[in-house]
Amino acid sequence: MEFTLHQHPFKILGAVVWKQSVQHGFQYGFEFGEEQRVDAQIVEELKQRARVEKHLE
C-alpha cells in the first residue's frame, strides 16, 4: 500500500484481510508484516497534521 500522510510518503507491504461495503465505497483491512515498524512514524505524522490543522483554525 502506498499513501502520503501529512508530508511523509509511506510504502508498506501487506495483504488485504477483509473488505466491507460502506455508503460511498469500501473499507479495507490490511495485515502488515512485523518487520515493518512504521506505526510510530504514522502516529508522529498524525500528530504533526493535527498541530497544523489546529494552528489554521
PDB file of N, CA and C in Angstrom:
ATOM      1  N   MET A   1       0.850  -1.155   0.000  1.00  0.00           N
ATOM      2  CA  MET A   1       0.000   0.000   0.000  1.00  0.00           C
ATOM      3  C   MET A   1       0.903   1.227   0.000  1.00  0.00           C
ATOM      4  N   GLU A   2       0.526   2.204  -0.792  1.00  0.00           N
ATOM      5  CA  GLU A   2       1.255   3.465  -0.841  1.00  0.00           C
ATOM      6  C   GLU A   2       0.296   4.602  -0.492  1.00  0.00           C
ATOM      7  N   PHE A   3       0.753   5.499   0.387  1.00  0.00           N
ATOM      8  CA  PHE A   3      -0.042   6.664   0.750  1.00  0.00           C
ATOM      9  C   PHE A   3       0.876   7.726   1.322  1.00  0.00           C
ATOM     10  N   THR A   4       0.378   8.958   1.356  1.00  0.00           N
ATOM     11  CA  THR A   4       1.110  10.052   1.960  1.00  0.00           C
ATOM     12  C   THR A   4       0.290  10.561   3.131  1.00  0.00           C
ATOM     13  N   LEU A   5       0.934  10.683   4.270  1.00  0.00           N
ATOM     14  CA  LEU A   5       0.285  11.180   5.468  1.00  0.00           C
ATOM     15  C   LEU A   5       1.029  12.433   5.894  1.00  0.00           C
ATOM     16  N   HIS A   6       0.310  13.534   5.966  1.00  0.00           N
ATOM     17  CA  HIS A   6       0.873  14.859   6.180  1.00  0.00           C
ATOM     18  C   HIS A   6       1.820  15.136   5.022  1.00  0.00           C
ATOM     19  N   GLN A   7       3.106  14.968   5.181  1.00  0.00           N
ATOM     20  CA  GLN A   7       4.043  15.175   4.071  1.00  0.00           C
ATOM     21  C   GLN A   7       4.989  14.000   3.894  1.00  0.00           C
ATOM     22  N   HIS A   8       4.708  12.893   4.562  1.00  0.00           N
ATOM     23  CA  HIS A   8       5.602  11.744   4.538  1.00  0.00           C
ATOM     24  C   HIS A   8       4.991  10.624   3.700  1.00  0.00           C
ATOM     25  N   PRO A   9       5.674  10.220   2.617  1.00  0.00           N
ATOM     26  CA  PRO A   9       5.156   9.103   1.818  1.00  0.00           C
ATOM     27  C   PRO A   9       5.481   7.764   2.491  1.00  0.00           C
ATOM     28  N   PHE A  10       4.531   6.850   2.442  1.00  0.00           N
ATOM     29  CA  PHE A  10       4.711   5.514   3.001  1.00  0.00           C
ATOM     30  C   PHE A  10       4.509   4.482   1.903  1.00  0.00           C
ATOM     31  N   LYS A  11       5.323   3.448   1.900  1.00  0.00           N
ATOM     32  CA  LYS A  11       5.166   2.269   1.048  1.00  0.00           C
ATOM     33  C   LYS A  11       5.280   1.063   1.979  1.00  0.00           C
ATOM     34  N   ILE A  12       4.159   0.376   2.170  1.00  0.00           N
ATOM     35  CA  ILE A  12       4.112  -0.700   3.151  1.00  0.00           C
ATOM     36  C   ILE A  12       3.594  -1.965   2.481  1.00  0.00           C
ATOM     37  N   LEU A  13       4.307  -3.072   2.664  1.00  0.00           N
ATOM     38  CA  LEU A  13       3.870  -4.354   2.129  1.00  0.00           C
ATOM     39  C   LEU A  13       2.867  -4.985   3.079  1.00  0.00           C
ATOM     40  N   GLY A  14       1.856  -5.626   2.524  1.00  0.00           N
ATOM     41  CA  GLY A  14       0.861  -6.275   3.349  1.00  0.00           C
ATOM     42  C   GLY A  14      -0.151  -7.003   2.486  1.00  0.00           C
ATOM     43  N   ALA A  15      -1.200  -7.494   3.135  1.00  0.00           N
ATOM     44  CA  ALA A  15      -2.240  -8.233   2.430  1.00  0.00           C
ATOM     45  C   ALA A  15      -3.606  -7.754   2.896  1.00  0.00           C
ATOM     46  N   VAL A  16      -4.557  -7.695   1.967  1.00  0.00           N
ATOM     47  CA  VAL A  16      -5.937  -7.356   2.324  1.00  0.00           C
ATOM     48  C   VAL A  16      -6.515  -8.559   3.064  1.00  0.00           C
ATOM     49  N   VAL A  17      -7.068  -8.324   4.265  1.00  0.00           N
ATOM     50  CA  VAL A  17      -7.647  -9.415   5.042  1.00  0.00           C
ATOM     51  C   VAL A  17      -9.161  -9.312   5.159  1.00  0.00           C
ATOM     52  N   TRP A  18      -9.716  -8.139   4.861  1.00  0.00           N
ATOM     53  CA  TRP A  18     -11.169  -8.004   4.797  1.00  0.00           C
ATOM     54  C   TRP A  18     -11.553  -6.796   3.956  1.00  0.00           C
ATOM     55  N   LYS A  19     -12.785  -6.826   3.453  1.00  0.00           N
ATOM     56  CA  LYS A  19     -13.333  -5.737   2.637  1.00  0.00           C
ATOM     57  C   LYS A  19     -14.790  -5.573   3.038  1.00  0.00           C
ATOM     58  N   GLN A  20     -15.199  -4.341   3.275  1.00  0.00           N
ATOM     59  CA  GLN A  20     -16.558  -4.060   3.731  1.00  0.00           C
ATOM     60  C   GLN A  20     -17.159  -2.932   2.906  1.00  0.00           C
ATOM     61  N   SER A  21     -18.382  -3.143   2.448  1.00  0.00           N
ATOM     62  CA  SER A  21     -19.092  -2.111   1.701  1.00  0.00           C
ATOM     63  C   SER A  21     -19.592  -1.046   2.677  1.00  0.00           C
ATOM     64  N   VAL A  22     -19.379   0.219   2.316  1.00  0.00           N
ATOM     65  CA  VAL A  22     -19.881   1.344   3.107  1.00  0.00           C
ATOM     66  C   VAL A  22     -20.673   2.254   2.166  1.00  0.00           C
ATOM     67  N   GLN A  23     -21.253   3.287   2.704  1.00  0.00           N
ATOM     68  CA  GLN A  23     -22.164   4.144   1.948  1.00  0.00           C
ATOM     69  C   GLN A  23     -21.591   4.633   0.619  1.00  0.00           C
ATOM     70  N   HIS A  24     -20.370   5.107   0.603  1.00  0.00           N
ATOM     71  CA  HIS A  24     -19.800   5.689  -0.615  1.00  0.00           C
ATOM     72  C   HIS A  24     -18.576   4.929  -1.105  1.00  0.00           C
ATOM     73  N   GLY A  25     -18.531   3.635  -0.928  1.00  0.00           N
ATOM     74  CA  GLY A  25     -17.381   2.876  -1.402  1.00  0.00           C
ATOM     75  C   GLY A  25     -17.120   1.655  -0.546  1.00  0.00           C
ATOM     76  N   PHE A  26     -15.848   1.452  -0.234  1.00  0.00           N
ATOM     77  CA  PHE A  26     -15.440   0.285   0.533  1.00  0.00           C
ATOM     78  C   PHE A  26     -14.406   0.667   1.580  1.00  0.00           C
ATOM     79  N   GLN A  27     -14.351  -0.122   2.634  1.00  0.00           N
ATOM     80  CA  GLN A  27     -13.282  -0.036   3.621  1.00  0.00           C
ATOM     81  C   GLN A  27     -12.518  -1.353   3.552  1.00  0.00           C
ATOM     82  N   TYR A  28     -11.208  -1.268   3.780  1.00  0.00           N
ATOM     83  CA  TYR A  28     -10.370  -2.453   3.693  1.00  0.00           C
ATOM     84  C   TYR A  28      -9.564  -2.614   4.974  1.00  0.00           C
ATOM     85  N   GLY A  29      -9.339  -3.846   5.363  1.00  0.00           N
ATOM     86  CA  GLY A  29      -8.446  -4.156   6.472  1.00  0.00           C
ATOM     87  C   GLY A  29      -7.181  -4.785   5.910  1.00  0.00           C
ATOM     88  N   PHE A  30      -6.033  -4.347   6.380  1.00  0.00           N
ATOM     89  CA  PHE A  30      -4.751  -4.851   5.905  1.00  0.00           C
ATOM     90  C   PHE A  30      -3.978  -5.475   7.044  1.00  0.00           C
ATOM     91  N   GLU A  31      -3.211  -6.481   6.725  1.00  0.00           N
ATOM     92  CA  GLU A  31      -2.282  -7.083   7.673  1.00  0.00           C
ATOM     93  C   GLU A  31      -0.886  -6.810   7.157  1.00  0.00           C
ATOM     94  N   PHE A  32      -0.068  -6.207   8.007  1.00  0.00           N
ATOM     95  CA  PHE A  32       1.281  -5.820   7.614  1.00  0.00           C
ATOM     96  C   PHE A  32       2.293  -6.754   8.247  1.00  0.00           C
ATOM     97  N   GLY A  33       3.409  -6.938   7.562  1.00  0.00           N
ATOM     98  CA  GLY A  33       4.479  -7.772   8.092  1.00  0.00           C
ATOM     99  C   GLY A  33       5.076  -7.142   9.346  1.00  0.00           C
ATOM    100  N   GLU A  34       5.465  -7.986  10.293  1.00  0.00           N
ATOM    101  CA  GLU A  34       6.009  -7.492  11.559  1.00  0.00           C
ATOM    102  C   GLU A  34       7.340  -6.777  11.387  1.00  0.00           C
ATOM    103  N   GLU A  35       8.051  -7.075  10.305  1.00  0.00           N
ATOM    104  CA  GLU A  35       9.345  -6.433  10.098  1.00  0.00           C
ATOM    105  C   GLU A  35       9.203  -4.972   9.712  1.00  0.00           C
ATOM    106  N   GLN A  36       8.012  -4.543   9.405  1.00  0.00           N
ATOM    107  CA  GLN A  36       7.782  -3.161   9.001  1.00  0.00           C
ATOM    108  C   GLN A  36       7.263  -2.359  10.188  1.00  0.00           C
ATOM    109  N   ARG A  37       8.133  -1.713  10.875  1.00  0.00           N
ATOM    110  CA  ARG A  37       7.774  -0.929  12.060  1.00  0.00           C
ATOM    111  C   ARG A  37       7.506   0.510  11.670  1.00  0.00           C
ATOM    112  N   VAL A  38       6.348   0.768  11.126  1.00  0.00           N
ATOM    113  CA  VAL A  38       6.005   2.117  10.686  1.00  0.00           C
ATOM    114  C   VAL A  38       4.970   2.764  11.593  1.00  0.00           C
ATOM    115  N   ASP A  39       4.457   2.017  12.565  1.00  0.00           N
ATOM    116  CA  ASP A  39       3.379   2.552  13.395  1.00  0.00           C
ATOM    117  C   ASP A  39       3.791   3.826  14.127  1.00  0.00           C
ATOM    118  N   ALA A  40       5.005   3.908  14.633  1.00  0.00           N
ATOM    119  CA  ALA A  40       5.459   5.120  15.329  1.00  0.00           C
ATOM    120  C   ALA A  40       5.554   6.297  14.357  1.00  0.00           C
ATOM    121  N   GLN A  41       6.004   6.037  13.130  1.00  0.00           N
ATOM    122  CA  GLN A  41       6.078   7.098  12.125  1.00  0.00           C
ATOM    123  C   GLN A  41       4.683   7.602  11.758  1.00  0.00           C
ATOM    124  N   ILE A  42       3.731   6.686  11.627  1.00  0.00           N
ATOM    125  CA  ILE A  42       2.363   7.075  11.289  1.00  0.00           C
ATOM    126  C   ILE A  42       1.764   7.928  12.396  1.00  0.00           C
ATOM    127  N   VAL A  43       1.958   7.527  13.645  1.00  0.00           N
ATOM    128  CA  VAL A  43       1.440   8.298  14.780  1.00  0.00           C
ATOM    129  C   VAL A  43       2.055   9.688  14.795  1.00  0.00           C
ATOM    130  N   GLU A  44       3.354   9.797  14.553  1.00  0.00           N
ATOM    131  CA  GLU A  44       4.014  11.104  14.550  1.00  0.00           C
ATOM    132  C   GLU A  44       3.477  11.996  13.434  1.00  0.00           C
ATOM    133  N   GLU A  45       3.261  11.429  12.250  1.00  0.00           N
ATOM    134  CA  GLU A  45       2.709  12.212  11.146  1.00  0.00           C
ATOM    135  C   GLU A  45       1.290  12.684  11.461  1.00  0.00           C
ATOM    136  N   LEU A  46       0.488  11.839  12.108  1.00  0.00           N
ATOM    137  CA  LEU A  46      -0.863  12.244  12.504  1.00  0.00           C
ATOM    138  C   LEU A  46      -0.820  13.390  13.515  1.00  0.00           C
ATOM    139  N   LYS A  47       0.110  13.332  14.443  1.00  0.00           N
ATOM    140  CA  LYS A  47       0.265  14.410  15.431  1.00  0.00           C
ATOM    141  C   LYS A  47       0.647  15.720  14.739  1.00  0.00           C
ATOM    142  N   GLN A  48       1.588  15.644  13.796  1.00  0.00           N
ATOM    143  CA  GLN A  48       2.014  16.849  13.087  1.00  0.00           C
ATOM    144  C   GLN A  48       0.865  17.443  12.283  1.00  0.00           C
ATOM    145  N   ARG A  49       0.083  16.589  11.641  1.00  0.00           N
ATOM    146  CA  ARG A  49      -1.057  17.086  10.872  1.00  0.00           C
ATOM    147  C   ARG A  49      -2.080  17.743  11.788  1.00  0.00           C
ATOM    148  N   ALA A  50      -2.335  17.155  12.940  1.00  0.00           N
ATOM    149  CA  ALA A  50      -3.287  17.733  13.892  1.00  0.00           C
ATOM    150  C   ALA A  50      -2.804  19.091  14.375  1.00  0.00           C
ATOM    151  N   ARG A  51      -1.501  19.232  14.622  1.00  0.00           N
ATOM    152  CA  ARG A  51      -0.949  20.529  15.051  1.00  0.00           C
ATOM    153  C   ARG A  51      -1.159  21.596  13.980  1.00  0.00           C
ATOM    154  N   VAL A  52      -0.901  21.227  12.727  1.00  0.00           N
ATOM    155  CA  VAL A  52      -1.059  22.172  11.620  1.00  0.00           C
ATOM    156  C   VAL A  52      -2.521  22.582  11.489  1.00  0.00           C
ATOM    157  N   GLU A  53      -3.424  21.619  11.539  1.00  0.00           N
ATOM    158  CA  GLU A  53      -4.841  21.925  11.405  1.00  0.00           C
ATOM    159  C   GLU A  53      -5.348  22.790  12.558  1.00  0.00           C
ATOM    160  N   LYS A  54      -4.872  22.516  13.768  1.00  0.00           N
ATOM    161  CA  LYS A  54      -5.274  23.318  14.929  1.00  0.00           C
ATOM    162  C   LYS A  54      -4.768  24.750  14.780  1.00  0.00           C
ATOM    163  N   HIS A  55      -3.574  24.899  14.261  1.00  0.00           N
ATOM    164  CA  HIS A  55      -2.972  26.219  14.073  1.00  0.00           C
ATOM    165  C   HIS A  55      -3.744  27.026  13.024  1.00  0.00           C
ATOM    166  N   LEU A  56      -4.331  26.352  12.047  1.00  0.00           N
ATOM    167  CA  LEU A  56      -5.050  27.017  10.975  1.00  0.00           C
ATOM    168  C   LEU A  56      -6.464  27.445  11.384  1.00  0.00           C
ATOM    169  N   GLU A  57      -6.973  26.930  12.497  1.00  0.00           N
ATOM    170  CA  GLU A  57      -8.329  27.286  12.939  1.00  0.00           C
ATOM    171  C   GLU A  57      -8.423  28.692  13.438  1.00  0.00           C
TER     172      GLU A  57
END
